[in-house]
Amino acid sequence: MIYVTGDVHGELKKFSSSEIRKLRKNDYLIVCGDFGFIWNGNREEKSFLRKIGKKKFTTLFIEGAHDNYALIESYPLVDFCGGKARSISGRLYYLERGHVFDIDGKTVFAFGGGDDESLDINLLPDGKSLKHLPSYDDMKRAATNLKAHSNCVDYIVTHDCNFNIRSCFVSSSNSNHLHALFDTISKTCTFKKWFFGCYHKDKIVSPSYCAVYDKILPLE
């Protein structure tokens, strides 16, 4: 089975919860952004990544607004379930933005990244930008891959969400090109359910949209 959860922020406690212990060898867990375990590349961090990669289930994640994307890009790019992923450690993979993955017989469109206006660029160890918003190439890749699947997938996993759904969580009228992309996808793509994690809530917004945070939910 495939399960989904919200932000982890580099804390191992979610990986030792009673819900996690129920996952089996052939199961998948998707983290909807702010994974947080790839930040400065130190020895402790690499030890955590090895521990997660040795779990009996496969862990997949997308980046949020608090992930070191430049460091993530240093990991090898591999073919994975019909899309592209970064092989991190053992059964731990990062899902590249804009790819469609065939996981356990289900098609899953993944697109990480988010916006945090309060984020300080100097938070990164090297002082570089987090690159948390998508590039033109990221968006073009998403459109191409969705078109190749006739704009129809079983599930969508992102960190942020489209502007209309976002209004259920924040009152700000600010939006960016990531929200615009998701607005377009929500109107042109057919899907069963869209999961996102950046608002730190477990909430079913509608039959098609679900915010995830603490809970570990099956996709179906």
N, C-alpha and C. Protein backbone atom coordinates (compact mmCIF):
# COMPACT_ATOMS: atom_id res chain seq x y z
N MET A 1 0.83 -1.20 0.00
CA MET A 1 0.00 0.00 0.00
C MET A 1 0.87 1.25 0.00
N ILE A 2 0.24 2.36 -0.37
CA ILE A 2 0.93 3.64 -0.36
C ILE A 2 0.31 4.51 0.73
N TYR A 3 1.17 5.10 1.54
CA TYR A 3 0.73 5.99 2.61
C TYR A 3 1.33 7.38 2.39
N VAL A 4 0.71 8.37 2.99
CA VAL A 4 1.18 9.74 2.83
C VAL A 4 1.14 10.43 4.19
N THR A 5 2.11 11.32 4.42
CA THR A 5 2.14 12.09 5.65
C THR A 5 2.67 13.48 5.36
N GLY A 6 2.69 14.33 6.40
CA GLY A 6 3.10 15.72 6.22
C GLY A 6 4.53 15.98 6.63
N ASP A 7 4.82 17.22 6.94
CA ASP A 7 6.17 17.67 7.23
C ASP A 7 6.82 16.86 8.35
N VAL A 8 8.10 16.54 8.16
CA VAL A 8 8.87 15.80 9.15
C VAL A 8 9.87 16.72 9.85
N HIS A 9 10.41 17.69 9.12
CA HIS A 9 11.35 18.69 9.66
C HIS A 9 12.56 18.06 10.35
N GLY A 10 13.05 16.97 9.77
CA GLY A 10 14.28 16.39 10.29
C GLY A 10 14.16 15.74 11.66
N GLU A 11 12.96 15.33 12.05
CA GLU A 11 12.77 14.68 13.35
C GLU A 11 12.44 13.20 13.15
N LEU A 12 13.15 12.35 13.85
CA LEU A 12 12.99 10.91 13.67
C LEU A 12 11.76 10.33 14.37
N LYS A 13 11.10 11.12 15.21
CA LYS A 13 10.01 10.56 16.01
C LYS A 13 8.89 9.97 15.17
N LYS A 14 8.61 10.58 14.00
CA LYS A 14 7.55 10.04 13.16
C LYS A 14 7.91 8.65 12.64
N PHE A 15 9.20 8.39 12.46
CA PHE A 15 9.63 7.10 11.94
C PHE A 15 9.69 6.02 13.02
N SER A 16 9.34 6.36 14.24
CA SER A 16 9.28 5.37 15.31
C SER A 16 7.89 5.29 15.93
N SER A 17 6.91 5.91 15.27
CA SER A 17 5.55 5.93 15.80
C SER A 17 4.88 4.57 15.63
N SER A 18 3.78 4.37 16.36
CA SER A 18 3.05 3.11 16.28
C SER A 18 2.45 2.91 14.89
N GLU A 19 2.08 4.01 14.22
CA GLU A 19 1.52 3.91 12.87
C GLU A 19 2.58 3.43 11.88
N ILE A 20 3.81 3.94 12.04
CA ILE A 20 4.90 3.55 11.16
C ILE A 20 5.20 2.06 11.30
N ARG A 21 5.12 1.56 12.51
CA ARG A 21 5.45 0.15 12.75
C ARG A 21 4.49 -0.80 12.06
N LYS A 22 3.36 -0.30 11.61
CA LYS A 22 2.38 -1.13 10.90
C LYS A 22 2.72 -1.29 9.42
N LEU A 23 3.60 -0.44 8.90
CA LEU A 23 3.94 -0.52 7.49
C LEU A 23 4.76 -1.77 7.21
N ARG A 24 4.51 -2.37 6.06
CA ARG A 24 5.15 -3.63 5.72
C ARG A 24 6.22 -3.46 4.64
N LYS A 25 6.86 -4.55 4.29
CA LYS A 25 8.01 -4.53 3.39
C LYS A 25 7.72 -3.88 2.05
N ASN A 26 6.58 -4.16 1.46
CA ASN A 26 6.27 -3.66 0.13
C ASN A 26 5.47 -2.36 0.15
N ASP A 27 5.35 -1.72 1.30
CA ASP A 27 4.61 -0.47 1.41
C ASP A 27 5.50 0.72 1.06
N TYR A 28 4.83 1.84 0.76
CA TYR A 28 5.52 3.10 0.46
C TYR A 28 4.96 4.20 1.36
N LEU A 29 5.85 5.07 1.83
CA LEU A 29 5.44 6.24 2.60
C LEU A 29 5.93 7.49 1.86
N ILE A 30 5.00 8.38 1.50
CA ILE A 30 5.35 9.63 0.81
C ILE A 30 5.24 10.79 1.79
N VAL A 31 6.32 11.56 1.93
CA VAL A 31 6.35 12.75 2.78
C VAL A 31 6.14 13.97 1.90
N CYS A 32 5.09 14.75 2.23
CA CYS A 32 4.69 15.87 1.37
C CYS A 32 5.47 17.16 1.70
N GLY A 33 6.78 17.09 1.59
CA GLY A 33 7.60 18.30 1.73
C GLY A 33 8.15 18.51 3.12
N ASP A 34 9.11 19.46 3.22
CA ASP A 34 9.81 19.76 4.48
C ASP A 34 10.29 18.48 5.16
N PHE A 35 10.96 17.66 4.37
CA PHE A 35 11.56 16.42 4.89
C PHE A 35 12.60 16.76 5.95
N GLY A 36 13.49 17.68 5.63
CA GLY A 36 14.37 18.27 6.63
C GLY A 36 15.61 17.50 7.01
N PHE A 37 15.76 16.27 6.51
CA PHE A 37 16.92 15.46 6.87
C PHE A 37 18.12 15.72 5.97
N ILE A 38 17.93 16.51 4.91
CA ILE A 38 19.05 16.84 4.03
C ILE A 38 19.24 18.35 4.11
N TRP A 39 20.17 18.76 4.96
CA TRP A 39 20.32 20.18 5.25
C TRP A 39 21.77 20.65 5.17
N ASN A 40 22.67 19.98 5.89
CA ASN A 40 24.06 20.42 5.88
C ASN A 40 25.06 19.32 5.55
N GLY A 41 24.56 18.09 5.38
CA GLY A 41 25.43 17.00 4.94
C GLY A 41 26.41 16.50 5.99
N ASN A 42 26.16 16.78 7.27
CA ASN A 42 27.12 16.34 8.29
C ASN A 42 26.94 14.85 8.63
N ARG A 43 27.81 14.37 9.51
CA ARG A 43 27.84 12.94 9.84
C ARG A 43 26.53 12.49 10.50
N GLU A 44 26.00 13.28 11.40
CA GLU A 44 24.76 12.92 12.08
C GLU A 44 23.61 12.82 11.08
N GLU A 45 23.55 13.77 10.17
CA GLU A 45 22.49 13.78 9.16
C GLU A 45 22.57 12.52 8.29
N LYS A 46 23.76 12.16 7.85
CA LYS A 46 23.92 10.98 7.01
C LYS A 46 23.56 9.70 7.78
N SER A 47 23.81 9.70 9.09
CA SER A 47 23.42 8.56 9.91
C SER A 47 21.90 8.41 9.95
N PHE A 48 21.19 9.54 10.08
CA PHE A 48 19.73 9.52 10.07
C PHE A 48 19.20 8.99 8.73
N LEU A 49 19.81 9.44 7.63
CA LEU A 49 19.37 9.01 6.30
C LEU A 49 19.56 7.51 6.12
N ARG A 50 20.66 6.98 6.64
CA ARG A 50 20.90 5.53 6.56
C ARG A 50 19.83 4.77 7.35
N LYS A 51 19.48 5.28 8.52
CA LYS A 51 18.47 4.62 9.35
C LYS A 51 17.12 4.57 8.62
N ILE A 52 16.76 5.68 7.99
CA ILE A 52 15.48 5.72 7.26
C ILE A 52 15.54 4.78 6.06
N GLY A 53 16.68 4.78 5.36
CA GLY A 53 16.83 3.93 4.19
C GLY A 53 16.82 2.45 4.50
N LYS A 54 17.06 2.10 5.76
CA LYS A 54 17.07 0.69 6.16
C LYS A 54 15.71 0.21 6.65
N LYS A 55 14.71 1.11 6.70
CA LYS A 55 13.37 0.69 7.09
C LYS A 55 12.85 -0.36 6.10
N LYS A 56 11.95 -1.21 6.56
CA LYS A 56 11.45 -2.28 5.70
C LYS A 56 10.57 -1.77 4.57
N PHE A 57 9.99 -0.59 4.75
CA PHE A 57 9.18 0.03 3.69
C PHE A 57 10.03 1.04 2.95
N THR A 58 9.53 1.55 1.82
CA THR A 58 10.24 2.55 1.02
C THR A 58 9.73 3.94 1.35
N THR A 59 10.63 4.86 1.66
CA THR A 59 10.27 6.24 1.97
C THR A 59 10.56 7.13 0.76
N LEU A 60 9.57 7.90 0.36
CA LEU A 60 9.68 8.83 -0.76
C LEU A 60 9.34 10.22 -0.23
N PHE A 61 10.02 11.24 -0.74
CA PHE A 61 9.69 12.58 -0.28
C PHE A 61 9.86 13.61 -1.40
N ILE A 62 9.13 14.70 -1.26
CA ILE A 62 9.32 15.87 -2.10
C ILE A 62 9.81 17.00 -1.20
N GLU A 63 10.37 18.05 -1.79
CA GLU A 63 10.88 19.13 -0.95
C GLU A 63 9.80 20.15 -0.68
N GLY A 64 9.99 20.88 0.43
CA GLY A 64 9.07 21.94 0.78
C GLY A 64 9.77 23.28 0.70
N ALA A 65 9.46 24.17 1.64
CA ALA A 65 10.09 25.49 1.69
C ALA A 65 11.28 25.50 2.66
N HIS A 66 11.54 24.38 3.31
CA HIS A 66 12.63 24.29 4.27
C HIS A 66 13.47 23.05 4.02
N ASP A 67 13.89 22.89 2.78
CA ASP A 67 14.78 21.80 2.40
C ASP A 67 15.93 22.37 1.57
N ASN A 68 17.10 21.77 1.70
CA ASN A 68 18.27 22.22 0.97
C ASN A 68 18.28 21.54 -0.40
N TYR A 69 17.64 22.20 -1.35
CA TYR A 69 17.47 21.60 -2.67
C TYR A 69 18.81 21.41 -3.38
N ALA A 70 19.74 22.33 -3.17
CA ALA A 70 21.06 22.21 -3.81
C ALA A 70 21.77 20.95 -3.34
N LEU A 71 21.63 20.62 -2.06
CA LEU A 71 22.26 19.41 -1.54
C LEU A 71 21.51 18.17 -2.03
N ILE A 72 20.20 18.25 -2.12
CA ILE A 72 19.42 17.14 -2.66
C ILE A 72 19.88 16.81 -4.08
N GLU A 73 20.16 17.85 -4.87
CA GLU A 73 20.59 17.66 -6.26
C GLU A 73 21.96 16.98 -6.37
N SER A 74 22.70 16.92 -5.29
CA SER A 74 24.02 16.28 -5.34
C SER A 74 23.92 14.76 -5.31
N TYR A 75 22.74 14.23 -4.96
CA TYR A 75 22.55 12.78 -4.95
C TYR A 75 22.28 12.28 -6.36
N PRO A 76 22.62 11.02 -6.66
CA PRO A 76 22.48 10.50 -8.03
C PRO A 76 21.03 10.46 -8.51
N LEU A 77 20.86 10.87 -9.76
CA LEU A 77 19.55 10.83 -10.40
C LEU A 77 19.35 9.45 -11.02
N VAL A 78 18.22 8.81 -10.69
CA VAL A 78 17.98 7.44 -11.16
C VAL A 78 16.57 7.33 -11.74
N ASP A 79 16.37 6.30 -12.55
CA ASP A 79 15.03 5.95 -13.00
C ASP A 79 14.31 5.28 -11.84
N PHE A 80 13.06 5.69 -11.62
CA PHE A 80 12.33 5.12 -10.49
C PHE A 80 10.84 5.11 -10.80
N CYS A 81 10.26 3.95 -10.91
CA CYS A 81 8.81 3.79 -11.08
C CYS A 81 8.27 4.65 -12.23
N GLY A 82 9.00 4.68 -13.34
CA GLY A 82 8.54 5.41 -14.51
C GLY A 82 8.87 6.87 -14.53
N GLY A 83 9.51 7.38 -13.48
CA GLY A 83 9.90 8.79 -13.42
C GLY A 83 11.36 8.91 -13.02
N LYS A 84 11.73 10.08 -12.55
CA LYS A 84 13.09 10.32 -12.11
C LYS A 84 13.10 10.63 -10.60
N ALA A 85 14.11 10.10 -9.93
CA ALA A 85 14.23 10.29 -8.49
C ALA A 85 15.70 10.41 -8.12
N ARG A 86 15.96 10.91 -6.92
CA ARG A 86 17.31 10.94 -6.37
C ARG A 86 17.44 9.81 -5.36
N SER A 87 18.43 8.97 -5.57
CA SER A 87 18.66 7.85 -4.66
C SER A 87 19.45 8.37 -3.46
N ILE A 88 18.83 8.40 -2.29
CA ILE A 88 19.44 9.00 -1.10
C ILE A 88 20.18 7.95 -0.28
N SER A 89 19.49 6.91 0.12
CA SER A 89 20.12 5.85 0.92
C SER A 89 19.17 4.66 1.00
N GLY A 90 19.62 3.49 0.54
CA GLY A 90 18.78 2.31 0.63
C GLY A 90 17.42 2.51 0.00
N ARG A 91 16.36 2.36 0.81
CA ARG A 91 14.98 2.51 0.31
C ARG A 91 14.44 3.92 0.57
N LEU A 92 15.30 4.90 0.43
CA LEU A 92 14.92 6.31 0.61
C LEU A 92 15.21 7.07 -0.69
N TYR A 93 14.17 7.72 -1.24
CA TYR A 93 14.30 8.43 -2.51
C TYR A 93 13.61 9.79 -2.44
N TYR A 94 14.21 10.74 -3.16
CA TYR A 94 13.56 12.04 -3.39
C TYR A 94 12.90 12.00 -4.76
N LEU A 95 11.63 12.39 -4.86
CA LEU A 95 10.89 12.40 -6.11
C LEU A 95 11.09 13.74 -6.82
N GLU A 96 11.67 13.71 -8.01
CA GLU A 96 11.92 14.92 -8.78
C GLU A 96 10.62 15.64 -9.14
N ARG A 97 10.69 16.97 -9.13
CA ARG A 97 9.54 17.79 -9.47
C ARG A 97 9.01 17.49 -10.88
N GLY A 98 7.70 17.35 -10.96
CA GLY A 98 7.06 17.29 -12.27
C GLY A 98 7.01 15.94 -12.92
N HIS A 99 7.35 14.88 -12.20
CA HIS A 99 7.30 13.54 -12.79
C HIS A 99 6.07 12.78 -12.31
N VAL A 100 5.65 11.83 -13.13
CA VAL A 100 4.55 10.93 -12.80
C VAL A 100 5.15 9.56 -12.52
N PHE A 101 4.81 8.99 -11.37
CA PHE A 101 5.37 7.72 -10.94
C PHE A 101 4.28 6.65 -10.89
N ASP A 102 4.62 5.47 -11.34
CA ASP A 102 3.71 4.32 -11.24
C ASP A 102 4.12 3.52 -10.02
N ILE A 103 3.41 3.73 -8.92
CA ILE A 103 3.76 3.12 -7.64
C ILE A 103 2.65 2.17 -7.21
N ASP A 104 3.00 0.93 -7.09
CA ASP A 104 2.04 -0.08 -6.64
C ASP A 104 0.76 -0.06 -7.49
N GLY A 105 0.94 0.16 -8.79
CA GLY A 105 -0.20 0.16 -9.71
C GLY A 105 -1.00 1.45 -9.75
N LYS A 106 -0.52 2.50 -9.05
CA LYS A 106 -1.19 3.79 -9.03
C LYS A 106 -0.29 4.86 -9.64
N THR A 107 -0.86 5.76 -10.41
CA THR A 107 -0.08 6.87 -10.96
C THR A 107 -0.11 8.04 -10.00
N VAL A 108 1.09 8.54 -9.66
CA VAL A 108 1.23 9.61 -8.67
C VAL A 108 2.06 10.74 -9.30
N PHE A 109 1.47 11.92 -9.40
CA PHE A 109 2.18 13.10 -9.88
C PHE A 109 2.77 13.82 -8.66
N ALA A 110 4.07 14.10 -8.69
CA ALA A 110 4.75 14.71 -7.56
C ALA A 110 5.36 16.05 -7.97
N PHE A 111 5.17 17.06 -7.13
CA PHE A 111 5.75 18.36 -7.42
C PHE A 111 6.03 19.08 -6.10
N GLY A 112 7.31 19.08 -5.70
CA GLY A 112 7.69 19.73 -4.45
C GLY A 112 7.91 21.22 -4.61
N GLY A 113 8.28 21.83 -3.50
CA GLY A 113 8.53 23.27 -3.48
C GLY A 113 7.40 24.01 -2.80
N GLY A 114 7.72 25.18 -2.28
CA GLY A 114 6.73 26.00 -1.61
C GLY A 114 7.26 27.39 -1.41
N ASP A 115 6.46 28.23 -0.79
CA ASP A 115 6.85 29.62 -0.61
C ASP A 115 6.73 29.98 0.86
N ASP A 116 7.78 30.56 1.40
CA ASP A 116 7.75 31.06 2.77
C ASP A 116 8.42 32.42 2.77
N GLU A 117 7.61 33.48 2.82
CA GLU A 117 8.15 34.83 2.71
C GLU A 117 9.03 35.20 3.91
N SER A 118 8.89 34.48 5.02
CA SER A 118 9.68 34.78 6.20
C SER A 118 11.04 34.09 6.19
N LEU A 119 11.27 33.27 5.17
CA LEU A 119 12.49 32.47 5.14
C LEU A 119 13.72 33.33 4.90
N ASP A 120 14.73 33.14 5.71
CA ASP A 120 15.98 33.87 5.60
C ASP A 120 16.94 33.09 4.71
N ILE A 121 17.44 33.72 3.66
CA ILE A 121 18.34 33.04 2.73
C ILE A 121 19.58 32.51 3.44
N ASN A 122 19.98 33.15 4.52
CA ASN A 122 21.20 32.75 5.22
C ASN A 122 21.01 31.55 6.14
N LEU A 123 19.80 30.99 6.15
CA LEU A 123 19.59 29.79 6.95
C LEU A 123 20.40 28.61 6.44
N LEU A 124 20.67 28.57 5.13
CA LEU A 124 21.44 27.49 4.57
C LEU A 124 22.89 27.56 5.03
N PRO A 125 23.54 26.41 5.24
CA PRO A 125 24.93 26.43 5.69
C PRO A 125 25.86 27.22 4.77
N ASP A 126 25.61 27.19 3.46
CA ASP A 126 26.48 27.88 2.51
C ASP A 126 25.95 29.25 2.11
N GLY A 127 24.83 29.67 2.71
CA GLY A 127 24.27 30.98 2.43
C GLY A 127 23.57 31.09 1.10
N LYS A 128 23.34 29.96 0.43
CA LYS A 128 22.71 29.99 -0.89
C LYS A 128 21.19 29.90 -0.77
N SER A 129 20.52 30.22 -1.87
CA SER A 129 19.07 30.19 -1.90
C SER A 129 18.56 28.76 -1.76
N LEU A 130 17.40 28.62 -1.14
CA LEU A 130 16.79 27.31 -1.00
C LEU A 130 16.17 26.81 -2.31
N LYS A 131 15.97 27.68 -3.27
CA LYS A 131 15.36 27.31 -4.54
C LYS A 131 14.03 26.58 -4.30
N HIS A 132 13.22 27.16 -3.41
CA HIS A 132 12.00 26.46 -3.04
C HIS A 132 10.86 26.68 -4.02
N LEU A 133 10.96 27.68 -4.91
CA LEU A 133 9.96 27.88 -5.94
C LEU A 133 10.44 27.27 -7.25
N PRO A 134 9.53 26.77 -8.08
CA PRO A 134 9.93 26.05 -9.29
C PRO A 134 10.47 26.96 -10.39
N SER A 135 11.29 26.38 -11.23
CA SER A 135 11.80 27.08 -12.40
C SER A 135 10.86 26.85 -13.58
N TYR A 136 11.14 27.57 -14.66
CA TYR A 136 10.36 27.36 -15.89
C TYR A 136 10.49 25.92 -16.37
N ASP A 137 11.71 25.38 -16.30
CA ASP A 137 11.93 24.00 -16.73
C ASP A 137 11.14 23.01 -15.88
N ASP A 138 11.03 23.28 -14.58
CA ASP A 138 10.23 22.41 -13.70
C ASP A 138 8.77 22.38 -14.16
N MET A 139 8.24 23.56 -14.45
CA MET A 139 6.83 23.66 -14.84
C MET A 139 6.59 23.04 -16.21
N LYS A 140 7.55 23.25 -17.12
CA LYS A 140 7.43 22.66 -18.46
C LYS A 140 7.46 21.14 -18.37
N ARG A 141 8.33 20.60 -17.52
CA ARG A 141 8.41 19.15 -17.32
C ARG A 141 7.09 18.60 -16.79
N ALA A 142 6.50 19.32 -15.86
CA ALA A 142 5.22 18.88 -15.29
C ALA A 142 4.15 18.81 -16.38
N ALA A 143 4.06 19.85 -17.20
CA ALA A 143 3.06 19.88 -18.26
C ALA A 143 3.28 18.75 -19.26
N THR A 144 4.54 18.51 -19.61
CA THR A 144 4.87 17.46 -20.59
C THR A 144 4.52 16.08 -20.05
N ASN A 145 4.86 15.83 -18.80
CA ASN A 145 4.61 14.50 -18.23
C ASN A 145 3.13 14.26 -17.98
N LEU A 146 2.41 15.29 -17.57
CA LEU A 146 0.96 15.12 -17.39
C LEU A 146 0.28 14.89 -18.75
N LYS A 147 0.72 15.60 -19.76
CA LYS A 147 0.16 15.42 -21.11
C LYS A 147 0.40 14.00 -21.60
N ALA A 148 1.58 13.45 -21.29
CA ALA A 148 1.91 12.09 -21.70
C ALA A 148 0.98 11.07 -21.04
N HIS A 149 0.36 11.47 -19.93
CA HIS A 149 -0.61 10.61 -19.24
C HIS A 149 -2.04 11.09 -19.47
N SER A 150 -2.22 11.83 -20.57
CA SER A 150 -3.55 12.34 -20.96
C SER A 150 -4.17 13.20 -19.86
N ASN A 151 -3.32 13.90 -19.09
CA ASN A 151 -3.77 14.77 -17.99
C ASN A 151 -4.71 14.03 -17.03
N CYS A 152 -4.34 12.79 -16.76
CA CYS A 152 -5.14 11.97 -15.85
C CYS A 152 -4.21 11.12 -14.99
N VAL A 153 -4.24 11.33 -13.69
CA VAL A 153 -3.45 10.52 -12.75
C VAL A 153 -4.35 10.10 -11.59
N ASP A 154 -3.90 9.13 -10.84
CA ASP A 154 -4.69 8.71 -9.68
C ASP A 154 -4.56 9.71 -8.53
N TYR A 155 -3.31 10.13 -8.23
CA TYR A 155 -3.08 10.99 -7.08
C TYR A 155 -2.06 12.07 -7.39
N ILE A 156 -2.18 13.18 -6.67
CA ILE A 156 -1.22 14.28 -6.75
C ILE A 156 -0.68 14.52 -5.35
N VAL A 157 0.64 14.62 -5.22
CA VAL A 157 1.27 14.94 -3.94
C VAL A 157 2.15 16.17 -4.13
N THR A 158 1.91 17.19 -3.31
CA THR A 158 2.66 18.44 -3.37
C THR A 158 2.91 18.93 -1.94
N HIS A 159 3.70 19.99 -1.83
CA HIS A 159 3.87 20.62 -0.52
C HIS A 159 2.81 21.71 -0.34
N ASP A 160 2.75 22.62 -1.30
CA ASP A 160 1.73 23.67 -1.29
C ASP A 160 0.53 23.19 -2.10
N CYS A 161 -0.44 24.07 -2.34
CA CYS A 161 -1.64 23.69 -3.08
C CYS A 161 -2.07 24.85 -3.97
N ASN A 162 -3.17 24.69 -4.68
CA ASN A 162 -3.62 25.79 -5.54
C ASN A 162 -4.22 26.93 -4.70
N PHE A 163 -4.42 28.06 -5.34
CA PHE A 163 -4.79 29.27 -4.60
C PHE A 163 -6.15 29.14 -3.92
N ASN A 164 -7.12 28.54 -4.58
CA ASN A 164 -8.46 28.43 -4.00
C ASN A 164 -8.44 27.58 -2.73
N ILE A 165 -7.73 26.48 -2.75
CA ILE A 165 -7.65 25.62 -1.56
C ILE A 165 -6.82 26.30 -0.49
N ARG A 166 -5.79 27.03 -0.89
CA ARG A 166 -4.93 27.75 0.05
C ARG A 166 -5.74 28.73 0.90
N SER A 167 -6.78 29.31 0.31
CA SER A 167 -7.60 30.29 1.02
C SER A 167 -8.34 29.68 2.21
N CYS A 168 -8.41 28.36 2.27
CA CYS A 168 -9.03 27.69 3.43
C CYS A 168 -8.11 27.71 4.65
N PHE A 169 -6.84 28.07 4.44
CA PHE A 169 -5.86 28.02 5.52
C PHE A 169 -5.26 29.38 5.87
N VAL A 170 -5.12 30.25 4.90
CA VAL A 170 -4.54 31.57 5.12
C VAL A 170 -5.41 32.63 4.46
N SER A 171 -5.39 33.83 5.04
CA SER A 171 -6.22 34.92 4.51
C SER A 171 -5.47 35.79 3.51
N SER A 172 -4.17 35.56 3.36
CA SER A 172 -3.37 36.38 2.46
C SER A 172 -3.84 36.23 1.01
N SER A 173 -3.84 37.36 0.29
CA SER A 173 -4.21 37.33 -1.13
C SER A 173 -2.99 37.17 -2.02
N ASN A 174 -1.80 37.06 -1.40
CA ASN A 174 -0.57 36.91 -2.19
C ASN A 174 -0.53 35.53 -2.84
N SER A 175 -0.05 35.49 -4.06
CA SER A 175 0.13 34.23 -4.76
C SER A 175 1.37 34.34 -5.64
N ASN A 176 1.82 33.22 -6.14
CA ASN A 176 3.01 33.20 -6.99
C ASN A 176 2.80 32.21 -8.13
N HIS A 177 3.85 32.00 -8.92
CA HIS A 177 3.70 31.14 -10.10
C HIS A 177 3.50 29.67 -9.73
N LEU A 178 3.89 29.27 -8.52
CA LEU A 178 3.61 27.90 -8.09
C LEU A 178 2.11 27.71 -7.90
N HIS A 179 1.46 28.67 -7.23
CA HIS A 179 0.00 28.59 -7.07
C HIS A 179 -0.70 28.62 -8.42
N ALA A 180 -0.19 29.44 -9.34
CA ALA A 180 -0.78 29.53 -10.67
C ALA A 180 -0.66 28.19 -11.41
N LEU A 181 0.49 27.54 -11.27
CA LEU A 181 0.67 26.23 -11.89
C LEU A 181 -0.33 25.24 -11.33
N PHE A 182 -0.48 25.22 -10.01
CA PHE A 182 -1.41 24.28 -9.39
C PHE A 182 -2.87 24.61 -9.74
N ASP A 183 -3.17 25.90 -9.91
CA ASP A 183 -4.50 26.28 -10.37
C ASP A 183 -4.79 25.66 -11.74
N THR A 184 -3.81 25.76 -12.62
CA THR A 184 -3.97 25.20 -13.97
C THR A 184 -4.14 23.69 -13.92
N ILE A 185 -3.31 23.03 -13.12
CA ILE A 185 -3.41 21.57 -13.02
C ILE A 185 -4.76 21.15 -12.45
N SER A 186 -5.25 21.89 -11.46
CA SER A 186 -6.54 21.54 -10.85
C SER A 186 -7.69 21.64 -11.84
N LYS A 187 -7.53 22.50 -12.86
CA LYS A 187 -8.60 22.70 -13.85
C LYS A 187 -8.46 21.79 -15.06
N THR A 188 -7.26 21.35 -15.35
CA THR A 188 -7.02 20.60 -16.59
C THR A 188 -6.72 19.12 -16.37
N CYS A 189 -6.45 18.73 -15.14
CA CYS A 189 -6.05 17.35 -14.86
C CYS A 189 -7.15 16.63 -14.06
N THR A 190 -7.37 15.39 -14.42
CA THR A 190 -8.31 14.55 -13.67
C THR A 190 -7.53 13.73 -12.65
N PHE A 191 -8.00 13.72 -11.39
CA PHE A 191 -7.32 12.98 -10.34
C PHE A 191 -8.33 12.58 -9.27
N LYS A 192 -7.97 11.57 -8.49
CA LYS A 192 -8.86 11.12 -7.41
C LYS A 192 -8.71 11.99 -6.17
N LYS A 193 -7.45 12.25 -5.79
CA LYS A 193 -7.23 13.04 -4.57
C LYS A 193 -5.87 13.73 -4.64
N TRP A 194 -5.82 14.93 -4.05
CA TRP A 194 -4.61 15.75 -4.01
C TRP A 194 -4.22 15.93 -2.55
N PHE A 195 -3.00 15.49 -2.20
CA PHE A 195 -2.48 15.61 -0.84
C PHE A 195 -1.40 16.69 -0.78
N PHE A 196 -1.40 17.50 0.27
CA PHE A 196 -0.38 18.54 0.44
C PHE A 196 -0.10 18.72 1.93
N GLY A 197 1.12 19.25 2.26
CA GLY A 197 1.52 19.22 3.65
C GLY A 197 1.92 20.52 4.31
N CYS A 198 1.95 21.63 3.59
CA CYS A 198 2.66 22.81 4.13
C CYS A 198 1.90 23.57 5.22
N TYR A 199 0.62 23.29 5.44
CA TYR A 199 -0.15 24.11 6.38
C TYR A 199 -0.25 23.50 7.78
N HIS A 200 0.49 22.41 8.01
CA HIS A 200 0.61 21.83 9.35
C HIS A 200 -0.75 21.52 9.97
N LYS A 201 -1.63 20.95 9.15
CA LYS A 201 -2.95 20.53 9.62
C LYS A 201 -3.32 19.21 8.96
N ASP A 202 -4.08 18.41 9.68
CA ASP A 202 -4.71 17.23 9.09
C ASP A 202 -6.17 17.61 8.84
N LYS A 203 -6.51 17.82 7.59
CA LYS A 203 -7.84 18.34 7.28
C LYS A 203 -8.28 17.91 5.89
N ILE A 204 -9.47 17.33 5.81
CA ILE A 204 -10.08 17.03 4.51
C ILE A 204 -10.80 18.29 4.06
N VAL A 205 -10.30 18.91 3.03
CA VAL A 205 -10.87 20.18 2.55
C VAL A 205 -12.10 19.92 1.69
N SER A 206 -12.04 18.90 0.88
CA SER A 206 -13.14 18.48 0.01
C SER A 206 -12.89 17.03 -0.34
N PRO A 207 -13.79 16.38 -1.04
CA PRO A 207 -13.53 14.99 -1.42
C PRO A 207 -12.24 14.80 -2.22
N SER A 208 -11.74 15.88 -2.85
CA SER A 208 -10.57 15.76 -3.72
C SER A 208 -9.29 16.32 -3.12
N TYR A 209 -9.37 17.06 -2.01
CA TYR A 209 -8.18 17.71 -1.45
C TYR A 209 -8.04 17.37 0.03
N CYS A 210 -6.80 17.01 0.41
CA CYS A 210 -6.57 16.62 1.80
C CYS A 210 -5.23 17.17 2.28
N ALA A 211 -5.28 17.97 3.35
CA ALA A 211 -4.06 18.45 4.00
C ALA A 211 -3.59 17.40 4.99
N VAL A 212 -2.29 17.12 5.00
CA VAL A 212 -1.74 16.12 5.91
C VAL A 212 -0.61 16.73 6.73
N TYR A 213 -0.48 16.24 7.96
CA TYR A 213 0.61 16.72 8.81
C TYR A 213 1.06 15.58 9.73
N ASP A 214 0.40 15.39 10.86
CA ASP A 214 0.80 14.37 11.82
C ASP A 214 0.37 12.96 11.39
N LYS A 215 -0.78 12.85 10.80
CA LYS A 215 -1.34 11.54 10.49
C LYS A 215 -0.59 10.86 9.34
N ILE A 216 -0.66 9.55 9.32
CA ILE A 216 -0.14 8.76 8.22
C ILE A 216 -1.33 8.09 7.57
N LEU A 217 -1.68 8.56 6.39
CA LEU A 217 -2.93 8.16 5.74
C LEU A 217 -2.68 7.28 4.52
N PRO A 218 -3.53 6.28 4.30
CA PRO A 218 -3.44 5.54 3.03
C PRO A 218 -3.98 6.42 1.90
N LEU A 219 -3.39 6.29 0.73
CA LEU A 219 -3.88 7.09 -0.40
C LEU A 219 -5.33 6.77 -0.71
N GLU A 220 -5.71 5.51 -0.52
CA GLU A 220 -7.10 5.11 -0.80
C GLU A 220 -7.80 4.77 0.50
